[in-house]
All heavy atoms as atom14 arrays in JSON, in Angstrom:
{
  "sequence": "FSRWHEEGEGVNYKYWEETIVRNLAGDVIETLPGDVMQ",
  "atom14_mask": [
    [1, 1, 1, 1, 1, 1, 1, 1, 1, 1, 1, 0, 0, 0],
    [1, 1, 1, 1, 1, 1, 0, 0, 0, 0, 0, 0, 0, 0],
    [1, 1, 1, 1, 1, 1, 1, 1, 1, 1, 1, 0, 0, 0],
    [1, 1, 1, 1, 1, 1, 1, 1, 1, 1, 1, 1, 1, 1],
    [1, 1, 1, 1, 1, 1, 1, 1, 1, 1, 0, 0, 0, 0],
    [1, 1, 1, 1, 1, 1, 1, 1, 1, 0, 0, 0, 0, 0],
    [1, 1, 1, 1, 1, 1, 1, 1, 1, 0, 0, 0, 0, 0],
    [1, 1, 1, 1, 0, 0, 0, 0, 0, 0, 0, 0, 0, 0],
    [1, 1, 1, 1, 1, 1, 1, 1, 1, 0, 0, 0, 0, 0],
    [1, 1, 1, 1, 0, 0, 0, 0, 0, 0, 0, 0, 0, 0],
    [1, 1, 1, 1, 1, 1, 1, 0, 0, 0, 0, 0, 0, 0],
    [1, 1, 1, 1, 1, 1, 1, 1, 0, 0, 0, 0, 0, 0],
    [1, 1, 1, 1, 1, 1, 1, 1, 1, 1, 1, 1, 0, 0],
    [1, 1, 1, 1, 1, 1, 1, 1, 1, 0, 0, 0, 0, 0],
    [1, 1, 1, 1, 1, 1, 1, 1, 1, 1, 1, 1, 0, 0],
    [1, 1, 1, 1, 1, 1, 1, 1, 1, 1, 1, 1, 1, 1],
    [1, 1, 1, 1, 1, 1, 1, 1, 1, 0, 0, 0, 0, 0],
    [1, 1, 1, 1, 1, 1, 1, 1, 1, 0, 0, 0, 0, 0],
    [1, 1, 1, 1, 1, 1, 1, 0, 0, 0, 0, 0, 0, 0],
    [1, 1, 1, 1, 1, 1, 1, 1, 0, 0, 0, 0, 0, 0],
    [1, 1, 1, 1, 1, 1, 1, 0, 0, 0, 0, 0, 0, 0],
    [1, 1, 1, 1, 1, 1, 1, 1, 1, 1, 1, 0, 0, 0],
    [1, 1, 1, 1, 1, 1, 1, 1, 0, 0, 0, 0, 0, 0],
    [1, 1, 1, 1, 1, 1, 1, 1, 0, 0, 0, 0, 0, 0],
    [1, 1, 1, 1, 1, 0, 0, 0, 0, 0, 0, 0, 0, 0],
    [1, 1, 1, 1, 0, 0, 0, 0, 0, 0, 0, 0, 0, 0],
    [1, 1, 1, 1, 1, 1, 1, 1, 0, 0, 0, 0, 0, 0],
    [1, 1, 1, 1, 1, 1, 1, 0, 0, 0, 0, 0, 0, 0],
    [1, 1, 1, 1, 1, 1, 1, 1, 0, 0, 0, 0, 0, 0],
    [1, 1, 1, 1, 1, 1, 1, 1, 1, 0, 0, 0, 0, 0],
    [1, 1, 1, 1, 1, 1, 1, 0, 0, 0, 0, 0, 0, 0],
    [1, 1, 1, 1, 1, 1, 1, 1, 0, 0, 0, 0, 0, 0],
    [1, 1, 1, 1, 1, 1, 1, 0, 0, 0, 0, 0, 0, 0],
    [1, 1, 1, 1, 0, 0, 0, 0, 0, 0, 0, 0, 0, 0],
    [1, 1, 1, 1, 1, 1, 1, 1, 0, 0, 0, 0, 0, 0],
    [1, 1, 1, 1, 1, 1, 1, 0, 0, 0, 0, 0, 0, 0],
    [1, 1, 1, 1, 1, 1, 1, 1, 0, 0, 0, 0, 0, 0],
    [1, 1, 1, 1, 1, 1, 1, 1, 1, 0, 0, 0, 0, 0]
  ],
  "atom14_positions": [
    [[34.14, 35.71, 156.45], [35.47, 35.11, 156.38], [35.68, 34.52, 154.99], [34.81, 33.84, 154.45], [35.62, 33.98, 157.41], [35.49, 34.43, 158.83], [34.24, 34.69, 159.39], [36.61, 34.6, 159.62], [34.12, 35.11, 160.7], [36.51, 35.01, 160.94], [35.25, 35.27, 161.49], [0.0, 0.0, 0.0], [0.0, 0.0, 0.0], [0.0, 0.0, 0.0]],
    [[36.85, 34.77, 154.42], [37.22, 34.13, 153.17], [37.91, 32.81, 153.49], [38.78, 32.76, 154.36], [38.17, 35.04, 152.38], [38.63, 34.4, 151.22], [0.0, 0.0, 0.0], [0.0, 0.0, 0.0], [0.0, 0.0, 0.0], [0.0, 0.0, 0.0], [0.0, 0.0, 0.0], [0.0, 0.0, 0.0], [0.0, 0.0, 0.0], [0.0, 0.0, 0.0]],
    [[37.53, 31.74, 152.8], [38.15, 30.42, 153.02], [38.63, 29.86, 151.69], [37.89, 29.82, 150.72], [37.15, 29.45, 153.65], [37.7, 28.03, 153.82], [36.68, 27.12, 154.48], [36.44, 27.52, 155.87], [35.51, 26.96, 156.65], [34.73, 26.0, 156.17], [35.36, 27.35, 157.9], [0.0, 0.0, 0.0], [0.0, 0.0, 0.0], [0.0, 0.0, 0.0]],
    [[39.89, 29.45, 151.63], [40.42, 28.89, 150.39], [40.58, 27.38, 150.49], [40.75, 26.83, 151.58], [41.75, 29.54, 150.0], [42.87, 29.39, 151.0], [43.17, 30.23, 152.03], [43.83, 28.32, 151.06], [44.27, 29.78, 152.73], [44.69, 28.6, 152.15], [44.05, 27.18, 150.3], [45.75, 27.77, 152.49], [45.11, 26.34, 150.64], [45.95, 26.64, 151.72]],
    [[40.5, 26.72, 149.34], [40.64, 25.28, 149.25], [41.59, 24.95, 148.1], [41.66, 25.7, 147.11], [39.3, 24.6, 148.97], [38.24, 24.86, 149.99], [38.04, 24.06, 151.08], [37.31, 25.86, 150.07], [37.01, 24.52, 151.79], [36.56, 25.62, 151.19], [0.0, 0.0, 0.0], [0.0, 0.0, 0.0], [0.0, 0.0, 0.0], [0.0, 0.0, 0.0]],
    [[42.28, 23.84, 148.21], [43.06, 23.33, 147.09], [43.11, 21.81, 147.15], [43.01, 21.22, 148.23], [44.48, 23.92, 147.09], [45.33, 23.57, 148.29], [46.73, 24.15, 148.2], [47.09, 24.7, 147.14], [47.47, 24.05, 149.2], [0.0, 0.0, 0.0], [0.0, 0.0, 0.0], [0.0, 0.0, 0.0], [0.0, 0.0, 0.0], [0.0, 0.0, 0.0]],
    [[43.25, 21.21, 145.98], [43.35, 19.75, 145.92], [44.05, 19.35, 144.62], [44.1, 20.13, 143.65], [41.97, 19.09, 145.99], [41.07, 19.41, 144.83], [39.7, 18.75, 144.94], [39.22, 18.52, 146.07], [39.1, 18.48, 143.88], [0.0, 0.0, 0.0], [0.0, 0.0, 0.0], [0.0, 0.0, 0.0], [0.0, 0.0, 0.0], [0.0, 0.0, 0.0]],
    [[44.59, 18.15, 144.59], [45.24, 17.64, 143.4], [46.61, 18.24, 143.16], [47.07, 19.12, 143.88], [0.0, 0.0, 0.0], [0.0, 0.0, 0.0], [0.0, 0.0, 0.0], [0.0, 0.0, 0.0], [0.0, 0.0, 0.0], [0.0, 0.0, 0.0], [0.0, 0.0, 0.0], [0.0, 0.0, 0.0], [0.0, 0.0, 0.0], [0.0, 0.0, 0.0]],
    [[47.27, 17.75, 142.12], [48.59, 18.22, 141.73], [48.68, 18.33, 140.22], [47.89, 17.71, 139.49], [49.67, 17.25, 142.24], [49.76, 17.14, 143.76], [50.84, 16.17, 144.2], [51.46, 15.53, 143.32], [51.07, 16.06, 145.42], [0.0, 0.0, 0.0], [0.0, 0.0, 0.0], [0.0, 0.0, 0.0], [0.0, 0.0, 0.0], [0.0, 0.0, 0.0]],
    [[49.66, 19.11, 139.74], [49.9, 19.22, 138.31], [48.67, 19.65, 137.54], [47.99, 20.61, 137.92], [0.0, 0.0, 0.0], [0.0, 0.0, 0.0], [0.0, 0.0, 0.0], [0.0, 0.0, 0.0], [0.0, 0.0, 0.0], [0.0, 0.0, 0.0], [0.0, 0.0, 0.0], [0.0, 0.0, 0.0], [0.0, 0.0, 0.0], [0.0, 0.0, 0.0]],
    [[48.36, 18.92, 136.47], [47.21, 19.3, 135.64], [45.89, 19.1, 136.38], [44.85, 19.63, 135.96], [47.19, 18.49, 134.31], [48.4, 18.84, 133.46], [47.15, 17.0, 134.59], [0.0, 0.0, 0.0], [0.0, 0.0, 0.0], [0.0, 0.0, 0.0], [0.0, 0.0, 0.0], [0.0, 0.0, 0.0], [0.0, 0.0, 0.0], [0.0, 0.0, 0.0]],
    [[45.91, 18.35, 137.47], [44.7, 18.1, 138.25], [44.55, 19.07, 139.44], [43.61, 18.92, 140.22], [44.69, 16.66, 138.76], [44.64, 15.65, 137.63], [43.87, 15.82, 136.69], [45.45, 14.61, 137.72], [0.0, 0.0, 0.0], [0.0, 0.0, 0.0], [0.0, 0.0, 0.0], [0.0, 0.0, 0.0], [0.0, 0.0, 0.0], [0.0, 0.0, 0.0]],
    [[45.51, 20.0, 139.53], [45.44, 20.95, 140.65], [44.21, 21.85, 140.52], [43.88, 22.33, 139.43], [46.7, 21.81, 140.68], [46.67, 22.87, 141.77], [46.94, 22.54, 143.09], [46.36, 24.19, 141.46], [46.91, 23.51, 144.09], [46.33, 25.17, 142.46], [46.61, 24.82, 143.77], [46.58, 25.77, 144.74], [0.0, 0.0, 0.0], [0.0, 0.0, 0.0]],
    [[43.56, 22.07, 141.64], [42.36, 22.91, 141.68], [42.38, 23.79, 142.91], [42.69, 23.33, 144.01], [41.11, 22.03, 141.69], [39.79, 22.81, 141.64], [38.6, 21.87, 141.66], [37.29, 22.63, 141.64], [36.11, 21.73, 141.7], [0.0, 0.0, 0.0], [0.0, 0.0, 0.0], [0.0, 0.0, 0.0], [0.0, 0.0, 0.0], [0.0, 0.0, 0.0]],
    [[42.07, 25.05, 142.72], [42.01, 26.03, 143.82], [40.69, 26.79, 143.73], [40.26, 27.17, 142.64], [43.18, 27.01, 143.71], [43.14, 28.14, 144.72], [43.76, 28.02, 145.95], [42.46, 29.33, 144.43], [43.72, 29.06, 146.88], [42.4, 30.36, 145.36], [43.04, 30.22, 146.58], [42.99, 31.24, 147.5], [0.0, 0.0, 0.0], [0.0, 0.0, 0.0]],
    [[40.02, 26.98, 144.87], [38.8, 27.78, 144.87], [38.59, 28.4, 146.25], [39.19, 28.0, 147.24], [37.6, 26.93, 144.46], [37.11, 25.92, 145.46], [36.06, 26.05, 146.33], [37.64, 24.61, 145.69], [35.9, 24.92, 147.07], [36.86, 24.01, 146.7], [38.71, 23.88, 145.14], [37.11, 22.72, 147.18], [38.94, 22.6, 145.62], [38.15, 22.03, 146.62]],
    [[37.72, 29.39, 146.28], [37.42, 30.1, 147.52], [35.92, 30.14, 147.76], [35.12, 30.04, 146.82], [37.97, 31.53, 147.47], [39.48, 31.61, 147.38], [39.99, 33.04, 147.43], [39.16, 33.96, 147.63], [41.2, 33.24, 147.26], [0.0, 0.0, 0.0], [0.0, 0.0, 0.0], [0.0, 0.0, 0.0], [0.0, 0.0, 0.0], [0.0, 0.0, 0.0]],
    [[35.57, 30.28, 149.02], [34.17, 30.48, 149.4], [34.12, 31.45, 150.57], [35.16, 31.77, 151.17], [33.51, 29.15, 149.78], [34.15, 28.43, 150.94], [33.53, 27.06, 151.2], [32.6, 26.67, 150.46], [33.99, 26.38, 152.13], [0.0, 0.0, 0.0], [0.0, 0.0, 0.0], [0.0, 0.0, 0.0], [0.0, 0.0, 0.0], [0.0, 0.0, 0.0]],
    [[32.95, 31.93, 150.88], [32.77, 32.9, 151.97], [31.96, 32.26, 153.08], [30.87, 31.73, 152.84], [32.06, 34.17, 151.45], [32.85, 34.76, 150.42], [31.87, 35.17, 152.58], [0.0, 0.0, 0.0], [0.0, 0.0, 0.0], [0.0, 0.0, 0.0], [0.0, 0.0, 0.0], [0.0, 0.0, 0.0], [0.0, 0.0, 0.0], [0.0, 0.0, 0.0]],
    [[32.5, 32.31, 154.28], [31.85, 31.78, 155.47], [31.28, 32.95, 156.27], [32.0, 33.9, 156.59], [32.84, 30.98, 156.35], [33.59, 29.93, 155.53], [32.11, 30.35, 157.53], [32.71, 28.91, 154.87], [0.0, 0.0, 0.0], [0.0, 0.0, 0.0], [0.0, 0.0, 0.0], [0.0, 0.0, 0.0], [0.0, 0.0, 0.0], [0.0, 0.0, 0.0]],
    [[30.0, 32.88, 156.58], [29.35, 33.94, 157.36], [29.05, 33.4, 158.75], [28.41, 32.35, 158.89], [28.05, 34.42, 156.68], [27.46, 35.61, 157.43], [28.29, 34.77, 155.21], [0.0, 0.0, 0.0], [0.0, 0.0, 0.0], [0.0, 0.0, 0.0], [0.0, 0.0, 0.0], [0.0, 0.0, 0.0], [0.0, 0.0, 0.0], [0.0, 0.0, 0.0]],
    [[29.51, 34.11, 159.77], [29.28, 33.72, 161.16], [28.54, 34.83, 161.9], [28.62, 36.0, 161.54], [30.61, 33.46, 161.88], [31.44, 32.33, 161.28], [32.78, 32.19, 162.02], [33.64, 31.18, 161.43], [33.64, 29.9, 161.78], [32.83, 29.49, 162.75], [34.46, 29.04, 161.18], [0.0, 0.0, 0.0], [0.0, 0.0, 0.0], [0.0, 0.0, 0.0]],
    [[27.83, 34.43, 162.96], [27.25, 35.44, 163.84], [28.29, 35.81, 164.91], [29.4, 35.27, 164.94], [25.93, 34.96, 164.46], [26.1, 33.67, 165.26], [27.19, 33.36, 165.75], [25.02, 32.92, 165.41], [0.0, 0.0, 0.0], [0.0, 0.0, 0.0], [0.0, 0.0, 0.0], [0.0, 0.0, 0.0], [0.0, 0.0, 0.0], [0.0, 0.0, 0.0]],
    [[27.92, 36.7, 165.81], [28.88, 37.18, 166.81], [29.21, 36.12, 167.86], [30.16, 36.28, 168.62], [28.35, 38.44, 167.5], [28.19, 39.67, 166.59], [27.75, 40.88, 167.41], [29.46, 39.98, 165.84], [0.0, 0.0, 0.0], [0.0, 0.0, 0.0], [0.0, 0.0, 0.0], [0.0, 0.0, 0.0], [0.0, 0.0, 0.0], [0.0, 0.0, 0.0]],
    [[28.44, 35.02, 167.88], [28.76, 33.91, 168.77], [29.76, 32.94, 168.11], [30.23, 32.01, 168.75], [27.49, 33.16, 169.16], [0.0, 0.0, 0.0], [0.0, 0.0, 0.0], [0.0, 0.0, 0.0], [0.0, 0.0, 0.0], [0.0, 0.0, 0.0], [0.0, 0.0, 0.0], [0.0, 0.0, 0.0], [0.0, 0.0, 0.0], [0.0, 0.0, 0.0]],
    [[30.04, 33.18, 166.82], [30.98, 32.33, 166.11], [30.34, 31.21, 165.33], [31.03, 30.44, 164.66], [0.0, 0.0, 0.0], [0.0, 0.0, 0.0], [0.0, 0.0, 0.0], [0.0, 0.0, 0.0], [0.0, 0.0, 0.0], [0.0, 0.0, 0.0], [0.0, 0.0, 0.0], [0.0, 0.0, 0.0], [0.0, 0.0, 0.0], [0.0, 0.0, 0.0]],
    [[29.01, 31.09, 165.38], [28.32, 30.02, 164.66], [28.27, 30.33, 163.17], [27.99, 31.47, 162.76], [26.88, 29.87, 165.18], [26.83, 29.63, 166.68], [27.64, 28.81, 167.15], [26.0, 30.27, 167.36], [0.0, 0.0, 0.0], [0.0, 0.0, 0.0], [0.0, 0.0, 0.0], [0.0, 0.0, 0.0], [0.0, 0.0, 0.0], [0.0, 0.0, 0.0]],
    [[28.5, 29.3, 162.34], [28.37, 29.47, 160.9], [26.89, 29.53, 160.54], [26.13, 28.61, 160.84], [29.05, 28.32, 160.14], [28.8, 28.44, 158.64], [30.56, 28.3, 160.43], [0.0, 0.0, 0.0], [0.0, 0.0, 0.0], [0.0, 0.0, 0.0], [0.0, 0.0, 0.0], [0.0, 0.0, 0.0], [0.0, 0.0, 0.0], [0.0, 0.0, 0.0]],
    [[26.47, 30.61, 159.91], [25.05, 30.76, 159.55], [24.84, 30.67, 158.05], [23.71, 30.51, 157.59], [24.47, 32.09, 160.09], [25.27, 33.29, 159.58], [24.44, 32.08, 161.61], [24.69, 34.63, 160.0], [0.0, 0.0, 0.0], [0.0, 0.0, 0.0], [0.0, 0.0, 0.0], [0.0, 0.0, 0.0], [0.0, 0.0, 0.0], [0.0, 0.0, 0.0]],
    [[25.94, 30.75, 157.27], [25.8, 30.66, 155.83], [27.16, 30.39, 155.2], [28.19, 30.87, 155.69], [25.22, 31.97, 155.27], [24.68, 31.87, 153.88], [23.92, 33.12, 153.47], [23.91, 34.11, 154.24], [23.31, 33.12, 152.38], [0.0, 0.0, 0.0], [0.0, 0.0, 0.0], [0.0, 0.0, 0.0], [0.0, 0.0, 0.0], [0.0, 0.0, 0.0]],
    [[27.16, 29.59, 154.15], [28.37, 29.36, 153.35], [28.04, 29.72, 151.91], [27.11, 29.16, 151.32], [28.83, 27.89, 153.43], [29.14, 27.58, 154.8], [30.08, 27.68, 152.6], [0.0, 0.0, 0.0], [0.0, 0.0, 0.0], [0.0, 0.0, 0.0], [0.0, 0.0, 0.0], [0.0, 0.0, 0.0], [0.0, 0.0, 0.0], [0.0, 0.0, 0.0]],
    [[28.79, 30.66, 151.34], [28.5, 31.17, 150.01], [29.64, 30.81, 149.05], [30.81, 31.01, 149.38], [28.36, 32.7, 150.05], [27.3, 33.27, 151.0], [27.45, 34.78, 151.09], [25.9, 32.9, 150.53], [0.0, 0.0, 0.0], [0.0, 0.0, 0.0], [0.0, 0.0, 0.0], [0.0, 0.0, 0.0], [0.0, 0.0, 0.0], [0.0, 0.0, 0.0]],
    [[29.33, 30.3, 147.88], [30.39, 30.08, 146.89], [30.92, 31.42, 146.4], [30.17, 32.39, 146.28], [29.67, 29.32, 145.77], [28.24, 29.75, 145.88], [28.0, 29.94, 147.35], [0.0, 0.0, 0.0], [0.0, 0.0, 0.0], [0.0, 0.0, 0.0], [0.0, 0.0, 0.0], [0.0, 0.0, 0.0], [0.0, 0.0, 0.0], [0.0, 0.0, 0.0]],
    [[32.21, 31.51, 146.14], [32.77, 32.74, 145.6], [33.1, 33.76, 146.68], [33.36, 33.41, 147.83], [0.0, 0.0, 0.0], [0.0, 0.0, 0.0], [0.0, 0.0, 0.0], [0.0, 0.0, 0.0], [0.0, 0.0, 0.0], [0.0, 0.0, 0.0], [0.0, 0.0, 0.0], [0.0, 0.0, 0.0], [0.0, 0.0, 0.0], [0.0, 0.0, 0.0]],
    [[33.06, 35.03, 146.3], [33.52, 36.11, 147.17], [32.4, 37.11, 147.42], [31.44, 37.2, 146.67], [34.72, 36.81, 146.52], [35.52, 37.63, 147.5], [35.25, 37.56, 148.71], [36.43, 38.36, 147.06], [0.0, 0.0, 0.0], [0.0, 0.0, 0.0], [0.0, 0.0, 0.0], [0.0, 0.0, 0.0], [0.0, 0.0, 0.0], [0.0, 0.0, 0.0]],
    [[32.57, 37.87, 148.5], [31.65, 38.95, 148.86], [32.47, 40.22, 149.05], [33.56, 40.18, 149.62], [30.89, 38.6, 150.16], [30.14, 39.8, 150.7], [29.92, 37.44, 149.92], [0.0, 0.0, 0.0], [0.0, 0.0, 0.0], [0.0, 0.0, 0.0], [0.0, 0.0, 0.0], [0.0, 0.0, 0.0], [0.0, 0.0, 0.0], [0.0, 0.0, 0.0]],
    [[31.95, 41.33, 148.56], [32.66, 42.59, 148.76], [31.66, 43.71, 149.01], [30.52, 43.66, 148.56], [33.54, 42.93, 147.56], [32.82, 43.11, 146.25], [33.95, 43.31, 144.85], [34.82, 44.8, 145.31], [0.0, 0.0, 0.0], [0.0, 0.0, 0.0], [0.0, 0.0, 0.0], [0.0, 0.0, 0.0], [0.0, 0.0, 0.0], [0.0, 0.0, 0.0]],
    [[32.1, 44.7, 149.77], [31.26, 45.85, 150.07], [31.62, 46.99, 149.14], [32.78, 47.38, 149.01], [31.43, 46.29, 151.53], [30.41, 47.3, 151.98], [30.42, 47.5, 153.49], [31.47, 47.51, 154.1], [29.26, 47.66, 154.07], [0.0, 0.0, 0.0], [0.0, 0.0, 0.0], [0.0, 0.0, 0.0], [0.0, 0.0, 0.0], [0.0, 0.0, 0.0]]
  ]
}
């Protein structure tokens, strides 16, 4: 799953993404900075 974040406004605005990995039960098993692609 791709997850985006944002905080601040104007010159302090910040946006970033991370990748959430879940198993088939829905449990989060790993959180990775950045993106993953096949």
